[in-house]
Protein backbone atom coordinates (compact mmCIF):
# COMPACT_ATOMS: atom_id res chain seq x y z
CA UNK A 1 35.20 11.34 37.88
CA UNK A 2 34.66 12.74 34.39
CA UNK A 3 31.35 13.85 33.00
CA UNK A 4 30.36 13.81 29.38
CA UNK A 5 29.19 17.03 27.84
CA UNK A 6 25.95 17.00 25.93
CA UNK A 7 26.28 17.70 22.24
CA UNK A 8 24.71 20.94 21.11
CA UNK A 9 21.49 20.49 19.18
CA UNK A 10 21.84 21.46 15.54
CA UNK A 11 19.61 24.33 14.55
CA UNK A 12 16.89 23.55 12.07
CA UNK A 13 17.42 26.06 9.31
CA UNK A 14 15.25 25.89 6.23
CA UNK A 15 17.28 25.76 3.09
CA UNK A 16 16.23 27.11 -0.28
CA UNK A 17 16.10 23.53 -1.59
CA UNK A 18 13.50 22.55 1.00
CA UNK A 19 11.15 25.29 -0.13
CA UNK A 20 11.65 24.30 -3.78
CA UNK A 21 10.48 20.77 -2.94
CA UNK A 22 7.35 22.00 -1.17
CA UNK A 23 4.36 19.97 -2.37
CA UNK A 24 1.54 21.63 -4.27
CA UNK A 25 -1.56 22.52 -2.36
CA UNK A 26 -5.24 22.68 -3.07
CA UNK A 27 -6.74 22.05 -6.47
CA UNK A 28 -3.36 21.93 -8.21
CA UNK A 29 -2.27 19.02 -6.01
CA UNK A 30 -5.52 17.14 -6.66
CA UNK A 31 -5.15 17.62 -10.41
CA UNK A 32 -1.51 16.54 -10.30
CA UNK A 33 -2.51 13.38 -8.40
CA UNK A 34 -5.28 12.55 -10.85
CA UNK A 35 -2.94 12.99 -13.81
CA UNK A 36 -0.43 10.65 -12.17
CA UNK A 37 -3.12 8.03 -11.50
CA UNK A 38 -4.27 8.25 -15.12
CA UNK A 39 -0.71 7.74 -16.36
CA UNK A 40 -0.19 4.71 -14.12
CA UNK A 41 -3.54 3.25 -15.22
CA UNK A 42 -2.56 3.72 -18.86
CA UNK A 43 0.73 1.87 -18.26
CA UNK A 44 -1.17 -1.09 -16.82
CA UNK A 45 -3.49 -1.03 -19.84
CA UNK A 46 -0.48 -1.11 -22.14
CA UNK A 47 0.70 -4.20 -20.25
CA UNK A 48 -2.64 -5.84 -21.05
CA UNK A 49 -4.41 -5.38 -17.72
CA UNK A 50 -8.07 -4.58 -17.26
CA UNK A 51 -8.07 -1.36 -15.21
CA UNK A 52 -10.76 0.10 -12.96
CA UNK A 53 -10.17 3.47 -11.32
CA UNK A 54 -11.60 5.10 -8.19
CA UNK A 55 -13.56 2.22 -6.68
CA UNK A 56 -14.33 1.05 -3.17
CA UNK A 57 -13.32 -2.42 -1.99
CA UNK A 58 -14.29 -3.55 1.52
CA UNK A 59 -15.06 0.05 2.52
CA UNK A 60 -11.62 1.25 1.39
CA UNK A 61 -11.07 3.67 -1.50
CA UNK A 62 -8.85 2.23 -4.21
CA UNK A 63 -7.41 4.55 -6.88
CA UNK A 64 -6.43 1.86 -9.39
CA UNK A 65 -7.32 -1.83 -9.61
CA UNK A 66 -5.46 -3.66 -12.38
CA UNK A 67 -6.53 -7.23 -13.15
CA UNK A 68 -4.61 -9.49 -15.52
CA UNK A 69 -3.70 -13.10 -16.29
CA UNK A 70 -0.15 -14.28 -15.94
CA UNK A 71 0.81 -16.62 -18.82
CA UNK A 72 0.52 -20.21 -17.65
CA UNK A 73 -1.93 -19.36 -14.88
CA UNK A 74 -5.65 -20.01 -15.00
CA UNK A 75 -6.48 -17.37 -12.39
CA UNK A 76 -6.81 -13.61 -12.66
CA UNK A 77 -4.43 -11.56 -10.55
CA UNK A 78 -5.17 -8.09 -9.19
CA UNK A 79 -2.81 -5.35 -8.09
């Protein structure tokens, strides 16, 4: 009867790349997020959407609500 040997568990070493990808913390992260939201909102505006930022819908916080009409459609669409 032969038995299988368990594979050794690889050690979890932190590489220099992992620390370089570390997310920002605190106020810098909040500011970075707001800047990103503003850029995305501006892109939707350039596409012709009506944009509302930082609203609450059904007790859920929504960062960006873009509403627009698709050509040929009579309804407004929101993303």
